[in-house]
C-alpha atoms as a PDB file:
ATOM      1  CA  UNK A   1       0.000   0.000   0.000  1.00  0.00           C
ATOM      2  CA  UNK A   2       1.349   3.414  -0.952  1.00  0.00           C
ATOM      3  CA  UNK A   3       1.937   6.094   1.652  1.00  0.00           C
ATOM      4  CA  UNK A   4      -0.453   9.046   1.724  1.00  0.00           C
ATOM      5  CA  UNK A   5       2.325  11.536   1.067  1.00  0.00           C
ATOM      6  CA  UNK A   6       3.526   9.605  -1.983  1.00  0.00           C
ATOM      7  CA  UNK A   7       0.049   9.571  -3.517  1.00  0.00           C
ATOM      8  CA  UNK A   8      -0.499  13.256  -2.745  1.00  0.00           C
ATOM      9  CA  UNK A   9       2.743  14.129  -4.547  1.00  0.00           C
ATOM     10  CA  UNK A  10       1.983  11.805  -7.490  1.00  0.00           C
ATOM     11  CA  UNK A  11      -1.457  13.394  -7.889  1.00  0.00           C
ATOM     12  CA  UNK A  12       0.104  16.867  -7.774  1.00  0.00           C
ATOM     13  CA  UNK A  13      -1.884  17.861  -4.688  1.00  0.00           C
ATOM     14  CA  UNK A  14       1.158  18.875  -2.636  1.00  0.00           C
ATOM     15  CA  UNK A  15       4.702  19.889  -3.468  1.00  0.00           C
ATOM     16  CA  UNK A  16       7.936  18.747  -1.862  1.00  0.00           C
ATOM     17  CA  UNK A  17       8.278  22.200  -0.248  1.00  0.00           C
ATOM     18  CA  UNK A  18       4.772  21.993   1.234  1.00  0.00           C
ATOM     19  CA  UNK A  19       5.462  18.502   2.553  1.00  0.00           C
ATOM     20  CA  UNK A  20       8.729  19.630   4.113  1.00  0.00           C
ATOM     21  CA  UNK A  21       6.977  22.623   5.727  1.00  0.00           C
ATOM     22  CA  UNK A  22       4.172  20.534   7.201  1.00  0.00           C
ATOM     23  CA  UNK A  23       6.614  17.900   8.510  1.00  0.00           C
ATOM     24  CA  UNK A  24       8.612  20.664  10.229  1.00  0.00           C
ATOM     25  CA  UNK A  25       5.442  21.919  11.900  1.00  0.00           C
ATOM     26  CA  UNK A  26       4.496  18.351  12.857  1.00  0.00           C
ATOM     27  CA  UNK A  27       7.868  17.658  14.506  1.00  0.00           C
ATOM     28  CA  UNK A  28       7.495  17.494  18.254  1.00  0.00           C
ATOM     29  CA  UNK A  29       3.700  17.308  18.125  1.00  0.00           C
ATOM     30  CA  UNK A  30       1.312  14.393  18.093  1.00  0.00           C
ATOM     31  CA  UNK A  31      -0.880  15.950  15.408  1.00  0.00           C
ATOM     32  CA  UNK A  32      -1.672  13.900  12.307  1.00  0.00           C
ATOM     33  CA  UNK A  33      -0.054  14.998   9.074  1.00  0.00           C
ATOM     34  CA  UNK A  34      -3.459  15.039   7.347  1.00  0.00           C
ATOM     35  CA  UNK A  35      -4.855  17.486   9.903  1.00  0.00           C
ATOM     36  CA  UNK A  36      -1.919  19.846   9.418  1.00  0.00           C
ATOM     37  CA  UNK A  37      -2.114  19.648   5.616  1.00  0.00           C
ATOM     38  CA  UNK A  38      -5.718  20.868   5.773  1.00  0.00           C
ATOM     39  CA  UNK A  39      -5.097  23.426   8.517  1.00  0.00           C
ATOM     40  CA  UNK A  40      -2.176  24.951   6.619  1.00  0.00           C
ATOM     41  CA  UNK A  41      -4.290  25.227   3.478  1.00  0.00           C
ATOM     42  CA  UNK A  42      -2.232  22.782   1.410  1.00  0.00           C
ATOM     43  CA  UNK A  43      -5.094  20.324   1.003  1.00  0.00           C
ATOM     44  CA  UNK A  44      -8.877  20.412   1.063  1.00  0.00           C
ATOM     45  CA  UNK A  45     -10.682  17.860   3.240  1.00  0.00           C
ATOM     46  CA  UNK A  46     -12.530  16.587   0.162  1.00  0.00           C
ATOM     47  CA  UNK A  47      -9.219  15.849  -1.597  1.00  0.00           C
ATOM     48  CA  UNK A  48      -7.995  13.995   1.482  1.00  0.00           C
ATOM     49  CA  UNK A  49     -11.116  11.824   1.520  1.00  0.00           C
ATOM     50  CA  UNK A  50     -10.797  11.063  -2.208  1.00  0.00           C
ATOM     51  CA  UNK A  51      -7.126  10.100  -1.891  1.00  0.00           C
ATOM     52  CA  UNK A  52      -7.799   7.957   1.194  1.00  0.00           C
ATOM     53  CA  UNK A  53     -10.548   6.181  -0.733  1.00  0.00           C
ATOM     54  CA  UNK A  54      -8.084   5.512  -3.546  1.00  0.00           C
ATOM     55  CA  UNK A  55      -5.338   4.252  -1.210  1.00  0.00           C
ATOM     56  CA  UNK A  56      -7.635   1.857   0.659  1.00  0.00           C
ATOM     57  CA  UNK A  57      -9.523   0.773  -2.458  1.00  0.00           C
ATOM     58  CA  UNK A  58     -12.859   1.709  -0.936  1.00  0.00           C
ATOM     59  CA  UNK A  59     -15.613   3.363  -2.943  1.00  0.00           C
ATOM     60  CA  UNK A  60     -16.520   6.907  -2.061  1.00  0.00           C
ATOM     61  CA  UNK A  61     -20.237   7.606  -1.868  1.00  0.00           C
ATOM     62  CA  UNK A  62     -22.007  10.884  -1.285  1.00  0.00           C
ATOM     63  CA  UNK A  63     -25.134  10.929   0.816  1.00  0.00           C
ATOM     64  CA  UNK A  64     -26.200  13.838  -1.386  1.00  0.00           C
ATOM     65  CA  UNK A  65     -26.560  11.487  -4.344  1.00  0.00           C
ATOM     66  CA  UNK A  66     -26.846   8.022  -2.786  1.00  0.00           C
ATOM     67  CA  UNK A  67     -29.677   6.779  -0.598  1.00  0.00           C
ATOM     68  CA  UNK A  68     -28.608   4.471   2.222  1.00  0.00           C
ATOM     69  CA  UNK A  69     -30.539   1.213   2.583  1.00  0.00           C
ATOM     70  CA  UNK A  70     -33.485   1.173   4.967  1.00  0.00           C
ATOM     71  CA  UNK A  71     -31.610  -0.951   7.524  1.00  0.00           C
ATOM     72  CA  UNK A  72     -28.889   1.703   7.843  1.00  0.00           C
ATOM     73  CA  UNK A  73     -31.380   4.538   8.150  1.00  0.00           C
ATOM     74  CA  UNK A  74     -33.082   2.685  10.998  1.00  0.00           C
ATOM     75  CA  UNK A  75     -29.740   2.193  12.784  1.00  0.00           C
ATOM     76  CA  UNK A  76     -29.073   5.948  12.388  1.00  0.00           C
ATOM     77  CA  UNK A  77     -32.451   6.796  13.859  1.00  0.00           C
ATOM     78  CA  UNK A  78     -33.708   7.854  10.422  1.00  0.00           C
ATOM     79  CA  UNK A  79     -30.965  10.439   9.902  1.00  0.00           C
ATOM     80  CA  UNK A  80     -27.739   9.812   8.010  1.00  0.00           C
ATOM     81  CA  UNK A  81     -24.476  10.820   9.729  1.00  0.00           C
ATOM     82  CA  UNK A  82     -23.112  14.346   9.538  1.00  0.00           C
ATOM     83  CA  UNK A  83     -21.170  15.511   6.488  1.00  0.00           C
ATOM     84  CA  UNK A  84     -17.606  14.255   6.496  1.00  0.00           C
ATOM     85  CA  UNK A  85     -18.306  11.353   8.820  1.00  0.00           C
ATOM     86  CA  UNK A  86     -16.934   8.009   7.765  1.00  0.00           C
ATOM     87  CA  UNK A  87     -19.088   5.000   8.464  1.00  0.00           C
ATOM     88  CA  UNK A  88     -17.484   1.579   8.169  1.00  0.00           C
ATOM     89  CA  UNK A  89     -20.014  -1.065   7.301  1.00  0.00           C
ATOM     90  CA  UNK A  90     -19.855  -4.814   7.631  1.00  0.00           C
ATOM     91  CA  UNK A  91     -22.613  -6.076   5.389  1.00  0.00           C
END
């Protein structure tokens, strides 16, 4: 499995300089690299989700265009999760 930073560079979403800058800021902290990339404005959250989907080979679905099955809606109390929430399903 490829590393997130490798895929981000291959896709042209971050530069070597941006990666170096975010790693310098990350040094000595326990903050995830992904969080800092977004916070520093180098990456949009949507791009991070798309790349993560690609890395893990998992389809990316939007609740704006896809309707969850009835069983899932019942388990969510009739309301899908908030935007940006990841729900792992074992079906």
